[in-house]
PDB file of N, CA and C in Angstrom:
ATOM      1  N   UNK A   1      -7.263 -58.387  66.238  1.00  0.00           N
ATOM      2  CA  UNK A   1      -7.806 -57.635  65.121  1.00  0.00           C
ATOM      3  C   UNK A   1      -8.406 -56.325  65.635  1.00  0.00           C
ATOM      4  N   UNK A   2      -8.223 -55.328  64.863  1.00  0.00           N
ATOM      5  CA  UNK A   2      -8.782 -54.017  65.189  1.00  0.00           C
ATOM      6  C   UNK A   2     -10.297 -54.042  64.986  1.00  0.00           C
ATOM      7  N   UNK A   3     -11.042 -53.508  65.951  1.00  0.00           N
ATOM      8  CA  UNK A   3     -12.496 -53.419  65.831  1.00  0.00           C
ATOM      9  C   UNK A   3     -12.859 -52.032  65.326  1.00  0.00           C
ATOM     10  N   UNK A   4     -13.155 -51.960  64.035  1.00  0.00           N
ATOM     11  CA  UNK A   4     -13.553 -50.710  63.404  1.00  0.00           C
ATOM     12  C   UNK A   4     -14.953 -50.903  62.843  1.00  0.00           C
ATOM     13  N   UNK A   5     -15.674 -49.808  62.796  1.00  0.00           N
ATOM     14  CA  UNK A   5     -17.031 -49.852  62.280  1.00  0.00           C
ATOM     15  C   UNK A   5     -17.283 -48.656  61.376  1.00  0.00           C
ATOM     16  N   UNK A   6     -18.296 -48.813  60.555  1.00  0.00           N
ATOM     17  CA  UNK A   6     -18.857 -47.705  59.810  1.00  0.00           C
ATOM     18  C   UNK A   6     -20.360 -47.754  60.039  1.00  0.00           C
ATOM     19  N   UNK A   7     -21.033 -46.648  59.754  1.00  0.00           N
ATOM     20  CA  UNK A   7     -22.468 -46.555  60.009  1.00  0.00           C
ATOM     21  C   UNK A   7     -23.182 -46.068  58.753  1.00  0.00           C
ATOM     22  N   UNK A   8     -24.232 -46.783  58.353  1.00  0.00           N
ATOM     23  CA  UNK A   8     -25.112 -46.327  57.285  1.00  0.00           C
ATOM     24  C   UNK A   8     -26.277 -45.615  57.961  1.00  0.00           C
ATOM     25  N   UNK A   9     -26.389 -44.322  57.718  1.00  0.00           N
ATOM     26  CA  UNK A   9     -27.473 -43.510  58.261  1.00  0.00           C
ATOM     27  C   UNK A   9     -28.643 -43.634  57.291  1.00  0.00           C
ATOM     28  N   UNK A  10     -29.682 -44.361  57.695  1.00  0.00           N
ATOM     29  CA  UNK A  10     -30.808 -44.655  56.809  1.00  0.00           C
ATOM     30  C   UNK A  10     -31.556 -43.392  56.388  1.00  0.00           C
ATOM     31  N   UNK A  11     -31.953 -42.503  57.313  1.00  0.00           N
ATOM     32  CA  UNK A  11     -32.672 -41.305  56.871  1.00  0.00           C
ATOM     33  C   UNK A  11     -31.857 -40.406  55.938  1.00  0.00           C
ATOM     34  N   UNK A  12     -30.565 -40.269  56.213  1.00  0.00           N
ATOM     35  CA  UNK A  12     -29.704 -39.402  55.408  1.00  0.00           C
ATOM     36  C   UNK A  12     -29.167 -40.099  54.160  1.00  0.00           C
ATOM     37  N   UNK A  13     -29.284 -41.450  54.117  1.00  0.00           N
ATOM     38  CA  UNK A  13     -28.738 -42.232  53.001  1.00  0.00           C
ATOM     39  C   UNK A  13     -27.260 -41.918  52.795  1.00  0.00           C
ATOM     40  N   UNK A  14     -26.502 -41.997  53.913  1.00  0.00           N
ATOM     41  CA  UNK A  14     -25.090 -41.623  53.892  1.00  0.00           C
ATOM     42  C   UNK A  14     -24.289 -42.559  54.784  1.00  0.00           C
ATOM     43  N   UNK A  15     -23.052 -42.860  54.346  1.00  0.00           N
ATOM     44  CA  UNK A  15     -22.152 -43.715  55.113  1.00  0.00           C
ATOM     45  C   UNK A  15     -21.200 -42.845  55.923  1.00  0.00           C
ATOM     46  N   UNK A  16     -21.007 -43.199  57.192  1.00  0.00           N
ATOM     47  CA  UNK A  16     -20.078 -42.492  58.074  1.00  0.00           C
ATOM     48  C   UNK A  16     -19.005 -43.445  58.575  1.00  0.00           C
ATOM     49  N   UNK A  17     -17.765 -42.987  58.515  1.00  0.00           N
ATOM     50  CA  UNK A  17     -16.634 -43.758  59.027  1.00  0.00           C
ATOM     51  C   UNK A  17     -16.096 -43.161  60.325  1.00  0.00           C
ATOM     52  N   UNK A  18     -16.587 -41.993  60.684  1.00  0.00           N
ATOM     53  CA  UNK A  18     -16.193 -41.327  61.929  1.00  0.00           C
ATOM     54  C   UNK A  18     -17.341 -40.435  62.371  1.00  0.00           C
ATOM     55  N   UNK A  19     -17.181 -39.822  63.536  1.00  0.00           N
ATOM     56  CA  UNK A  19     -18.224 -38.929  64.031  1.00  0.00           C
ATOM     57  C   UNK A  19     -19.256 -39.635  64.882  1.00  0.00           C
ATOM     58  N   UNK A  20     -18.934 -40.830  65.362  1.00  0.00           N
ATOM     59  CA  UNK A  20     -19.846 -41.604  66.206  1.00  0.00           C
ATOM     60  C   UNK A  20     -19.027 -42.459  67.160  1.00  0.00           C
ATOM     61  N   UNK A  21     -19.685 -42.948  68.174  1.00  0.00           N
ATOM     62  CA  UNK A  21     -19.069 -43.961  69.027  1.00  0.00           C
ATOM     63  C   UNK A  21     -20.125 -44.970  69.422  1.00  0.00           C
ATOM     64  N   UNK A  22     -19.648 -46.146  69.824  1.00  0.00           N
ATOM     65  CA  UNK A  22     -20.533 -47.251  70.162  1.00  0.00           C
ATOM     66  C   UNK A  22     -20.481 -47.439  71.667  1.00  0.00           C
ATOM     67  N   UNK A  23     -21.635 -47.424  72.283  1.00  0.00           N
ATOM     68  CA  UNK A  23     -21.745 -47.596  73.731  1.00  0.00           C
ATOM     69  C   UNK A  23     -21.517 -49.061  74.110  1.00  0.00           C
ATOM     70  N   UNK A  24     -21.200 -49.320  75.376  1.00  0.00           N
ATOM     71  CA  UNK A  24     -21.016 -50.707  75.818  1.00  0.00           C
ATOM     72  C   UNK A  24     -22.238 -51.604  75.563  1.00  0.00           C
ATOM     73  N   UNK A  25     -23.428 -51.009  75.516  1.00  0.00           N
ATOM     74  CA  UNK A  25     -24.622 -51.813  75.245  1.00  0.00           C
ATOM     75  C   UNK A  25     -24.851 -52.034  73.754  1.00  0.00           C
ATOM     76  N   UNK A  26     -23.939 -51.532  72.911  1.00  0.00           N
ATOM     77  CA  UNK A  26     -24.039 -51.715  71.465  1.00  0.00           C
ATOM     78  C   UNK A  26     -24.803 -50.627  70.742  1.00  0.00           C
ATOM     79  N   UNK A  27     -25.352 -49.674  71.467  1.00  0.00           N
ATOM     80  CA  UNK A  27     -26.083 -48.589  70.814  1.00  0.00           C
ATOM     81  C   UNK A  27     -25.096 -47.565  70.264  1.00  0.00           C
ATOM     82  N   UNK A  28     -25.592 -46.719  69.384  1.00  0.00           N
ATOM     83  CA  UNK A  28     -24.779 -45.732  68.701  1.00  0.00           C
ATOM     84  C   UNK A  28     -25.085 -44.341  69.240  1.00  0.00           C
ATOM     85  N   UNK A  29     -24.038 -43.514  69.336  1.00  0.00           N
ATOM     86  CA  UNK A  29     -24.195 -42.111  69.713  1.00  0.00           C
ATOM     87  C   UNK A  29     -23.352 -41.290  68.747  1.00  0.00           C
ATOM     88  N   UNK A  30     -23.969 -40.284  68.137  1.00  0.00           N
ATOM     89  CA  UNK A  30     -23.224 -39.365  67.275  1.00  0.00           C
ATOM     90  C   UNK A  30     -22.379 -38.461  68.159  1.00  0.00           C
ATOM     91  N   UNK A  31     -21.340 -37.906  67.640  1.00  0.00           N
ATOM     92  CA  UNK A  31     -20.431 -37.043  68.405  1.00  0.00           C
ATOM     93  C   UNK A  31     -21.137 -35.827  69.007  1.00  0.00           C
ATOM     94  N   UNK A  32     -22.271 -35.413  68.433  1.00  0.00           N
ATOM     95  CA  UNK A  32     -23.013 -34.285  68.997  1.00  0.00           C
ATOM     96  C   UNK A  32     -23.949 -34.737  70.128  1.00  0.00           C
ATOM     97  N   UNK A  33     -23.731 -35.951  70.624  1.00  0.00           N
ATOM     98  CA  UNK A  33     -24.474 -36.573  71.721  1.00  0.00           C
ATOM     99  C   UNK A  33     -25.900 -36.986  71.348  1.00  0.00           C
ATOM    100  N   UNK A  34     -26.254 -36.907  70.083  1.00  0.00           N
ATOM    101  CA  UNK A  34     -27.559 -37.406  69.649  1.00  0.00           C
ATOM    102  C   UNK A  34     -27.517 -38.931  69.620  1.00  0.00           C
ATOM    103  N   UNK A  35     -28.548 -39.543  70.144  1.00  0.00           N
ATOM    104  CA  UNK A  35     -28.627 -41.004  70.162  1.00  0.00           C
ATOM    105  C   UNK A  35     -29.768 -41.420  69.232  1.00  0.00           C
ATOM    106  N   UNK A  36     -29.434 -41.909  68.025  1.00  0.00           N
ATOM    107  CA  UNK A  36     -30.480 -42.250  67.064  1.00  0.00           C
ATOM    108  C   UNK A  36     -31.250 -43.505  67.468  1.00  0.00           C
ATOM    109  N   UNK A  37     -32.448 -43.623  66.947  1.00  0.00           N
ATOM    110  CA  UNK A  37     -33.244 -44.828  67.161  1.00  0.00           C
ATOM    111  C   UNK A  37     -32.546 -45.999  66.458  1.00  0.00           C
ATOM    112  N   UNK A  38     -32.589 -47.202  67.045  1.00  0.00           N
ATOM    113  CA  UNK A  38     -31.891 -48.350  66.443  1.00  0.00           C
ATOM    114  C   UNK A  38     -32.296 -48.662  65.003  1.00  0.00           C
ATOM    115  N   UNK A  39     -33.517 -48.351  64.614  1.00  0.00           N
ATOM    116  CA  UNK A  39     -33.949 -48.672  63.254  1.00  0.00           C
ATOM    117  C   UNK A  39     -33.606 -47.583  62.236  1.00  0.00           C
ATOM    118  N   UNK A  40     -32.786 -46.602  62.631  1.00  0.00           N
ATOM    119  CA  UNK A  40     -32.406 -45.531  61.703  1.00  0.00           C
ATOM    120  C   UNK A  40     -30.953 -45.629  61.230  1.00  0.00           C
ATOM    121  N   UNK A  41     -30.249 -46.680  61.632  1.00  0.00           N
ATOM    122  CA  UNK A  41     -28.871 -46.846  61.206  1.00  0.00           C
ATOM    123  C   UNK A  41     -28.519 -48.326  61.125  1.00  0.00           C
ATOM    124  N   UNK A  42     -27.467 -48.602  60.364  1.00  0.00           N
ATOM    125  CA  UNK A  42     -26.943 -49.962  60.257  1.00  0.00           C
ATOM    126  C   UNK A  42     -25.457 -49.885  60.564  1.00  0.00           C
ATOM    127  N   UNK A  43     -25.029 -50.638  61.540  1.00  0.00           N
ATOM    128  CA  UNK A  43     -23.638 -50.687  61.967  1.00  0.00           C
ATOM    129  C   UNK A  43     -22.952 -51.840  61.240  1.00  0.00           C
ATOM    130  N   UNK A  44     -21.801 -51.569  60.625  1.00  0.00           N
ATOM    131  CA  UNK A  44     -21.072 -52.588  59.876  1.00  0.00           C
ATOM    132  C   UNK A  44     -19.632 -52.669  60.354  1.00  0.00           C
ATOM    133  N   UNK A  45     -19.173 -53.862  60.644  1.00  0.00           N
ATOM    134  CA  UNK A  45     -17.837 -54.079  61.174  1.00  0.00           C
ATOM    135  C   UNK A  45     -16.815 -54.289  60.055  1.00  0.00           C
ATOM    136  N   UNK A  46     -15.610 -53.793  60.284  1.00  0.00           N
ATOM    137  CA  UNK A  46     -14.472 -54.008  59.404  1.00  0.00           C
ATOM    138  C   UNK A  46     -14.025 -55.456  59.546  1.00  0.00           C
ATOM    139  N   UNK A  47     -13.726 -56.115  58.436  1.00  0.00           N
ATOM    140  CA  UNK A  47     -13.335 -57.523  58.454  1.00  0.00           C
ATOM    141  C   UNK A  47     -11.885 -57.744  58.875  1.00  0.00           C
ATOM    142  N   UNK A  48     -11.086 -56.683  58.835  1.00  0.00           N
ATOM    143  CA  UNK A  48      -9.653 -56.832  59.091  1.00  0.00           C
ATOM    144  C   UNK A  48      -8.876 -57.094  57.810  1.00  0.00           C
ATOM    145  N   UNK A  49      -9.578 -57.163  56.683  1.00  0.00           N
ATOM    146  CA  UNK A  49      -8.959 -57.438  55.389  1.00  0.00           C
ATOM    147  C   UNK A  49      -9.120 -56.249  54.447  1.00  0.00           C
ATOM    148  N   UNK A  50      -8.262 -56.198  53.444  1.00  0.00           N
ATOM    149  CA  UNK A  50      -8.337 -55.144  52.434  1.00  0.00           C
ATOM    150  C   UNK A  50      -8.456 -55.783  51.055  1.00  0.00           C
ATOM    151  N   UNK A  51      -9.042 -55.019  50.129  1.00  0.00           N
ATOM    152  CA  UNK A  51      -9.155 -55.529  48.767  1.00  0.00           C
ATOM    153  C   UNK A  51      -7.829 -55.342  48.035  1.00  0.00           C
ATOM    154  N   UNK A  52      -7.793 -55.712  46.771  1.00  0.00           N
ATOM    155  CA  UNK A  52      -6.534 -55.661  46.014  1.00  0.00           C
ATOM    156  C   UNK A  52      -5.997 -54.247  45.842  1.00  0.00           C
ATOM    157  N   UNK A  53      -6.846 -53.229  46.086  1.00  0.00           N
ATOM    158  CA  UNK A  53      -6.421 -51.834  46.000  1.00  0.00           C
ATOM    159  C   UNK A  53      -6.098 -51.226  47.362  1.00  0.00           C
ATOM    160  N   UNK A  54      -6.127 -52.038  48.410  1.00  0.00           N
ATOM    161  CA  UNK A  54      -5.809 -51.553  49.746  1.00  0.00           C
ATOM    162  C   UNK A  54      -6.982 -50.937  50.486  1.00  0.00           C
ATOM    163  N   UNK A  55      -8.194 -51.041  49.927  1.00  0.00           N
ATOM    164  CA  UNK A  55      -9.382 -50.475  50.560  1.00  0.00           C
ATOM    165  C   UNK A  55      -9.937 -51.467  51.594  1.00  0.00           C
ATOM    166  N   UNK A  56     -10.298 -50.961  52.773  1.00  0.00           N
ATOM    167  CA  UNK A  56     -10.809 -51.807  53.851  1.00  0.00           C
ATOM    168  C   UNK A  56     -12.146 -52.443  53.472  1.00  0.00           C
ATOM    169  N   UNK A  57     -12.283 -53.740  53.757  1.00  0.00           N
ATOM    170  CA  UNK A  57     -13.503 -54.480  53.451  1.00  0.00           C
ATOM    171  C   UNK A  57     -14.361 -54.564  54.709  1.00  0.00           C
ATOM    172  N   UNK A  58     -15.624 -54.136  54.584  1.00  0.00           N
ATOM    173  CA  UNK A  58     -16.588 -54.159  55.680  1.00  0.00           C
ATOM    174  C   UNK A  58     -17.745 -55.101  55.352  1.00  0.00           C
ATOM    175  N   UNK A  59     -18.439 -55.534  56.393  1.00  0.00           N
ATOM    176  CA  UNK A  59     -19.673 -56.281  56.202  1.00  0.00           C
ATOM    177  C   UNK A  59     -20.606 -55.430  55.332  1.00  0.00           C
ATOM    178  N   UNK A  60     -21.261 -56.076  54.367  1.00  0.00           N
ATOM    179  CA  UNK A  60     -22.164 -55.358  53.488  1.00  0.00           C
ATOM    180  C   UNK A  60     -21.523 -54.867  52.204  1.00  0.00           C
ATOM    181  N   UNK A  61     -20.200 -54.988  52.090  1.00  0.00           N
ATOM    182  CA  UNK A  61     -19.543 -54.605  50.846  1.00  0.00           C
ATOM    183  C   UNK A  61     -19.862 -55.627  49.762  1.00  0.00           C
ATOM    184  N   UNK A  62     -19.880 -55.158  48.521  1.00  0.00           N
ATOM    185  CA  UNK A  62     -20.006 -56.036  47.362  1.00  0.00           C
ATOM    186  C   UNK A  62     -18.661 -55.978  46.656  1.00  0.00           C
ATOM    187  N   UNK A  63     -18.101 -57.165  46.425  1.00  0.00           N
ATOM    188  CA  UNK A  63     -16.774 -57.279  45.840  1.00  0.00           C
ATOM    189  C   UNK A  63     -16.859 -58.134  44.583  1.00  0.00           C
ATOM    190  N   UNK A  64     -15.849 -57.984  43.718  1.00  0.00           N
ATOM    191  CA  UNK A  64     -15.837 -58.802  42.506  1.00  0.00           C
ATOM    192  C   UNK A  64     -14.461 -59.394  42.301  1.00  0.00           C
ATOM    193  N   UNK A  65     -14.453 -60.489  41.540  1.00  0.00           N
ATOM    194  CA  UNK A  65     -13.227 -61.109  41.062  1.00  0.00           C
ATOM    195  C   UNK A  65     -13.518 -61.660  39.670  1.00  0.00           C
ATOM    196  N   UNK A  66     -12.628 -62.436  39.110  1.00  0.00           N
ATOM    197  CA  UNK A  66     -12.846 -62.935  37.753  1.00  0.00           C
ATOM    198  C   UNK A  66     -13.993 -63.941  37.673  1.00  0.00           C
ATOM    199  N   UNK A  67     -14.374 -64.524  38.806  1.00  0.00           N
ATOM    200  CA  UNK A  67     -15.453 -65.523  38.825  1.00  0.00           C
ATOM    201  C   UNK A  67     -16.834 -64.936  39.061  1.00  0.00           C
ATOM    202  N   UNK A  68     -16.919 -63.686  39.506  1.00  0.00           N
ATOM    203  CA  UNK A  68     -18.230 -63.126  39.748  1.00  0.00           C
ATOM    204  C   UNK A  68     -18.244 -62.015  40.773  1.00  0.00           C
ATOM    205  N   UNK A  69     -19.433 -61.800  41.321  1.00  0.00           N
ATOM    206  CA  UNK A  69     -19.690 -60.730  42.283  1.00  0.00           C
ATOM    207  C   UNK A  69     -20.143 -61.381  43.585  1.00  0.00           C
ATOM    208  N   UNK A  70     -19.675 -60.826  44.712  1.00  0.00           N
ATOM    209  CA  UNK A  70     -19.861 -61.453  46.017  1.00  0.00           C
ATOM    210  C   UNK A  70     -20.313 -60.430  47.053  1.00  0.00           C
ATOM    211  N   UNK A  71     -21.113 -60.873  48.011  1.00  0.00           N
ATOM    212  CA  UNK A  71     -21.538 -60.059  49.146  1.00  0.00           C
ATOM    213  C   UNK A  71     -20.750 -60.497  50.375  1.00  0.00           C
ATOM    214  N   UNK A  72     -20.179 -59.544  51.109  1.00  0.00           N
ATOM    215  CA  UNK A  72     -19.421 -59.843  52.330  1.00  0.00           C
ATOM    216  C   UNK A  72     -20.395 -59.906  53.503  1.00  0.00           C
ATOM    217  N   UNK A  73     -20.379 -61.016  54.227  1.00  0.00           N
ATOM    218  CA  UNK A  73     -21.255 -61.240  55.372  1.00  0.00           C
ATOM    219  C   UNK A  73     -20.467 -61.904  56.485  1.00  0.00           C
ATOM    220  N   UNK A  74     -21.083 -62.002  57.637  1.00  0.00           N
ATOM    221  CA  UNK A  74     -20.494 -62.750  58.745  1.00  0.00           C
ATOM    222  C   UNK A  74     -21.455 -63.886  59.089  1.00  0.00           C
ATOM    223  N   UNK A  75     -20.948 -65.103  59.088  1.00  0.00           N
ATOM    224  CA  UNK A  75     -21.741 -66.289  59.416  1.00  0.00           C
ATOM    225  C   UNK A  75     -20.957 -67.133  60.407  1.00  0.00           C
ATOM    226  N   UNK A  76     -21.608 -67.530  61.483  1.00  0.00           N
ATOM    227  CA  UNK A  76     -20.963 -68.377  62.492  1.00  0.00           C
ATOM    228  C   UNK A  76     -19.606 -67.822  62.919  1.00  0.00           C
ATOM    229  N   UNK A  77     -19.564 -66.509  63.142  1.00  0.00           N
ATOM    230  CA  UNK A  77     -18.373 -65.802  63.625  1.00  0.00           C
ATOM    231  C   UNK A  77     -17.215 -65.810  62.632  1.00  0.00           C
ATOM    232  N   UNK A  78     -17.491 -66.091  61.351  1.00  0.00           N
ATOM    233  CA  UNK A  78     -16.468 -66.065  60.306  1.00  0.00           C
ATOM    234  C   UNK A  78     -16.900 -65.097  59.221  1.00  0.00           C
ATOM    235  N   UNK A  79     -15.920 -64.455  58.586  1.00  0.00           N
ATOM    236  CA  UNK A  79     -16.199 -63.593  57.444  1.00  0.00           C
ATOM    237  C   UNK A  79     -16.269 -64.454  56.202  1.00  0.00           C
ATOM    238  N   UNK A  80     -17.339 -64.291  55.458  1.00  0.00           N
ATOM    239  CA  UNK A  80     -17.556 -65.085  54.254  1.00  0.00           C
ATOM    240  C   UNK A  80     -18.005 -64.172  53.116  1.00  0.00           C
ATOM    241  N   UNK A  81     -17.966 -64.726  51.899  1.00  0.00           N
ATOM    242  CA  UNK A  81     -18.549 -64.062  50.738  1.00  0.00           C
ATOM    243  C   UNK A  81     -19.609 -64.978  50.158  1.00  0.00           C
ATOM    244  N   UNK A  82     -20.694 -64.360  49.694  1.00  0.00           N
ATOM    245  CA  UNK A  82     -21.817 -65.092  49.116  1.00  0.00           C
ATOM    246  C   UNK A  82     -21.934 -64.673  47.656  1.00  0.00           C
ATOM    247  N   UNK A  83     -21.941 -65.650  46.760  1.00  0.00           N
ATOM    248  CA  UNK A  83     -22.017 -65.345  45.328  1.00  0.00           C
ATOM    249  C   UNK A  83     -23.368 -64.729  44.991  1.00  0.00           C
ATOM    250  N   UNK A  84     -23.330 -63.668  44.169  1.00  0.00           N
ATOM    251  CA  UNK A  84     -24.531 -62.976  43.715  1.00  0.00           C
ATOM    252  C   UNK A  84     -24.767 -63.263  42.236  1.00  0.00           C
ATOM    253  N   UNK A  85     -25.974 -63.165  41.736  1.00  0.00           N
ATOM    254  CA  UNK A  85     -27.184 -62.884  42.507  1.00  0.00           C
ATOM    255  C   UNK A  85     -27.603 -64.125  43.283  1.00  0.00           C
ATOM    256  N   UNK A  86     -28.362 -63.897  44.347  1.00  0.00           N
ATOM    257  CA  UNK A  86     -28.820 -64.973  45.210  1.00  0.00           C
ATOM    258  C   UNK A  86     -30.269 -64.708  45.569  1.00  0.00           C
ATOM    259  N   UNK A  87     -31.138 -65.641  45.234  1.00  0.00           N
ATOM    260  CA  UNK A  87     -32.554 -65.538  45.578  1.00  0.00           C
ATOM    261  C   UNK A  87     -32.725 -66.091  46.992  1.00  0.00           C
ATOM    262  N   UNK A  88     -32.830 -65.210  47.962  1.00  0.00           N
ATOM    263  CA  UNK A  88     -32.886 -65.599  49.375  1.00  0.00           C
ATOM    264  C   UNK A  88     -34.066 -66.504  49.702  1.00  0.00           C
ATOM    265  N   UNK A  89     -35.105 -66.469  48.888  1.00  0.00           N
ATOM    266  CA  UNK A  89     -36.301 -67.261  49.194  1.00  0.00           C
ATOM    267  C   UNK A  89     -36.250 -68.672  48.642  1.00  0.00           C
ATOM    268  N   UNK A  90     -35.471 -68.910  47.584  1.00  0.00           N
ATOM    269  CA  UNK A  90     -35.523 -70.229  46.953  1.00  0.00           C
ATOM    270  C   UNK A  90     -34.201 -70.969  46.877  1.00  0.00           C
ATOM    271  N   UNK A  91     -33.092 -70.298  47.046  1.00  0.00           N
ATOM    272  CA  UNK A  91     -31.799 -70.945  46.842  1.00  0.00           C
ATOM    273  C   UNK A  91     -30.920 -70.884  48.083  1.00  0.00           C
ATOM    274  N   UNK A  92     -30.190 -71.974  48.365  1.00  0.00           N
ATOM    275  CA  UNK A  92     -29.126 -71.842  49.375  1.00  0.00           C
ATOM    276  C   UNK A  92     -27.961 -71.108  48.722  1.00  0.00           C
ATOM    277  N   UNK A  93     -27.290 -70.227  49.435  1.00  0.00           N
ATOM    278  CA  UNK A  93     -26.203 -69.450  48.822  1.00  0.00           C
ATOM    279  C   UNK A  93     -24.927 -70.263  48.660  1.00  0.00           C
ATOM    280  N   UNK A  94     -24.106 -69.875  47.674  1.00  0.00           N
ATOM    281  CA  UNK A  94     -22.743 -70.384  47.547  1.00  0.00           C
ATOM    282  C   UNK A  94     -21.891 -69.518  48.466  1.00  0.00           C
ATOM    283  N   UNK A  95     -21.312 -70.120  49.505  1.00  0.00           N
ATOM    284  CA  UNK A  95     -20.570 -69.376  50.521  1.00  0.00           C
ATOM    285  C   UNK A  95     -19.124 -69.862  50.566  1.00  0.00           C
ATOM    286  N   UNK A  96     -18.183 -68.913  50.643  1.00  0.00           N
ATOM    287  CA  UNK A  96     -16.761 -69.222  50.757  1.00  0.00           C
ATOM    288  C   UNK A  96     -16.136 -68.335  51.819  1.00  0.00           C
ATOM    289  N   UNK A  97     -15.078 -68.830  52.464  1.00  0.00           N
ATOM    290  CA  UNK A  97     -14.358 -68.018  53.440  1.00  0.00           C
ATOM    291  C   UNK A  97     -13.756 -66.797  52.763  1.00  0.00           C
ATOM    292  N   UNK A  98     -13.887 -65.648  53.394  1.00  0.00           N
ATOM    293  CA  UNK A  98     -13.333 -64.411  52.847  1.00  0.00           C
ATOM    294  C   UNK A  98     -11.812 -64.450  52.812  1.00  0.00           C
ATOM    295  N   UNK A  99     -11.187 -65.061  53.793  1.00  0.00           N
ATOM    296  CA  UNK A  99      -9.724 -65.045  53.881  1.00  0.00           C
ATOM    297  C   UNK A  99      -9.063 -65.762  52.708  1.00  0.00           C
ATOM    298  N   UNK A 100      -9.801 -66.609  51.995  1.00  0.00           N
ATOM    299  CA  UNK A 100      -9.234 -67.340  50.864  1.00  0.00           C
ATOM    300  C   UNK A 100      -9.206 -66.532  49.587  1.00  0.00           C
ATOM    301  N   UNK A 101      -9.655 -65.279  49.616  1.00  0.00           N
ATOM    302  CA  UNK A 101      -9.857 -64.534  48.379  1.00  0.00           C
ATOM    303  C   UNK A 101      -9.196 -63.173  48.435  1.00  0.00           C
ATOM    304  N   UNK A 102      -7.875 -63.095  48.326  1.00  0.00           N
ATOM    305  CA  UNK A 102      -7.141 -61.838  48.427  1.00  0.00           C
ATOM    306  C   UNK A 102      -7.076 -61.026  47.153  1.00  0.00           C
ATOM    307  N   UNK A 103      -7.793 -61.408  46.120  1.00  0.00           N
ATOM    308  CA  UNK A 103      -7.743 -60.697  44.844  1.00  0.00           C
ATOM    309  C   UNK A 103      -9.067 -60.005  44.531  1.00  0.00           C
ATOM    310  N   UNK A 104      -9.853 -59.733  45.545  1.00  0.00           N
ATOM    311  CA  UNK A 104     -11.150 -59.091  45.369  1.00  0.00           C
ATOM    312  C   UNK A 104     -11.017 -57.581  45.214  1.00  0.00           C
ATOM    313  N   UNK A 105     -12.022 -56.978  44.581  1.00  0.00           N
ATOM    314  CA  UNK A 105     -12.082 -55.532  44.450  1.00  0.00           C
ATOM    315  C   UNK A 105     -13.465 -55.067  44.894  1.00  0.00           C
ATOM    316  N   UNK A 106     -13.512 -54.087  45.791  1.00  0.00           N
ATOM    317  CA  UNK A 106     -14.784 -53.536  46.252  1.00  0.00           C
ATOM    318  C   UNK A 106     -15.405 -52.722  45.122  1.00  0.00           C
ATOM    319  N   UNK A 107     -16.700 -52.993  44.840  1.00  0.00           N
ATOM    320  CA  UNK A 107     -17.402 -52.218  43.807  1.00  0.00           C
ATOM    321  C   UNK A 107     -18.553 -51.413  44.405  1.00  0.00           C
ATOM    322  N   UNK A 108     -18.762 -51.536  45.704  1.00  0.00           N
ATOM    323  CA  UNK A 108     -19.819 -50.776  46.368  1.00  0.00           C
ATOM    324  C   UNK A 108     -20.270 -51.494  47.635  1.00  0.00           C
ATOM    325  N   UNK A 109     -21.427 -51.092  48.133  1.00  0.00           N
ATOM    326  CA  UNK A 109     -22.005 -51.755  49.294  1.00  0.00           C
ATOM    327  C   UNK A 109     -23.515 -51.849  49.099  1.00  0.00           C
ATOM    328  N   UNK A 110     -24.148 -52.725  49.860  1.00  0.00           N
ATOM    329  CA  UNK A 110     -25.574 -53.002  49.644  1.00  0.00           C
ATOM    330  C   UNK A 110     -26.494 -51.890  50.128  1.00  0.00           C
ATOM    331  N   UNK A 111     -25.972 -50.934  50.858  1.00  0.00           N
ATOM    332  CA  UNK A 111     -26.819 -49.861  51.367  1.00  0.00           C
ATOM    333  C   UNK A 111     -26.853 -48.658  50.422  1.00  0.00           C
ATOM    334  N   UNK A 112     -25.690 -48.233  49.959  1.00  0.00           N
ATOM    335  CA  UNK A 112     -25.673 -47.089  49.051  1.00  0.00           C
ATOM    336  C   UNK A 112     -25.934 -47.497  47.605  1.00  0.00           C
ATOM    337  N   UNK A 113     -25.741 -48.775  47.284  1.00  0.00           N
ATOM    338  CA  UNK A 113     -25.981 -49.280  45.923  1.00  0.00           C
ATOM    339  C   UNK A 113     -26.683 -50.636  45.987  1.00  0.00           C
ATOM    340  N   UNK A 114     -27.939 -50.688  46.434  1.00  0.00           N
ATOM    341  CA  UNK A 114     -28.634 -51.980  46.566  1.00  0.00           C
ATOM    342  C   UNK A 114     -28.780 -52.739  45.251  1.00  0.00           C
ATOM    343  N   UNK A 115     -28.688 -52.037  44.133  1.00  0.00           N
ATOM    344  CA  UNK A 115     -28.782 -52.704  42.834  1.00  0.00           C
ATOM    345  C   UNK A 115     -27.645 -53.689  42.602  1.00  0.00           C
ATOM    346  N   UNK A 116     -26.549 -53.578  43.366  1.00  0.00           N
ATOM    347  CA  UNK A 116     -25.426 -54.503  43.223  1.00  0.00           C
ATOM    348  C   UNK A 116     -25.806 -55.930  43.606  1.00  0.00           C
ATOM    349  N   UNK A 117     -26.853 -56.093  44.398  1.00  0.00           N
ATOM    350  CA  UNK A 117     -27.298 -57.435  44.780  1.00  0.00           C
ATOM    351  C   UNK A 117     -27.788 -58.225  43.574  1.00  0.00           C
ATOM    352  N   UNK A 118     -28.091 -57.553  42.482  1.00  0.00           N
ATOM    353  CA  UNK A 118     -28.568 -58.216  41.265  1.00  0.00           C
ATOM    354  C   UNK A 118     -27.450 -58.476  40.264  1.00  0.00           C
ATOM    355  N   UNK A 119     -26.205 -58.081  40.599  1.00  0.00           N
ATOM    356  CA  UNK A 119     -25.070 -58.231  39.685  1.00  0.00           C
ATOM    357  C   UNK A 119     -24.738 -59.692  39.454  1.00  0.00           C
ATOM    358  N   UNK A 120     -24.171 -59.967  38.291  1.00  0.00           N
ATOM    359  CA  UNK A 120     -23.663 -61.308  37.965  1.00  0.00           C
ATOM    360  C   UNK A 120     -22.196 -61.214  37.631  1.00  0.00           C
TER     361      UNK A 120
END
C-alpha cells in the first residue's frame, strides 16, 4: 500500500496534501525547511481506499452512506469506521471494518468541519 499523508495545520486552520515531508523520526518539516512544533499540526494517513466518487479516504474523514454518518479511524492496525454521533464518555462506539464499505461518500473531515461529529 502506498503511504500517503495529509497535514492539518492547526494555527492556519488549513489542510495540506503537499509541501511537507516526514522525517524518519516521524516529525514534520515544511518544504521551506521550517520544522513546526508537534502540537501545531495533525498528520493523517491515507487508508488506501477511495469513496464512491474516487476521492481518497484519510484518517479523520467523515463519510456517509444510506445507514448513517461515520468517522474513519485506525484501531489495532486496521482501518475502521465509527458510527456518529458517538458520546466518547458514555458509549462504546459501533465499529466496522472500512474495507467492507465501498459505497461511502466523503462529506468532510473532523478538523476543518468538527460539527460533522454531531451528524446523524
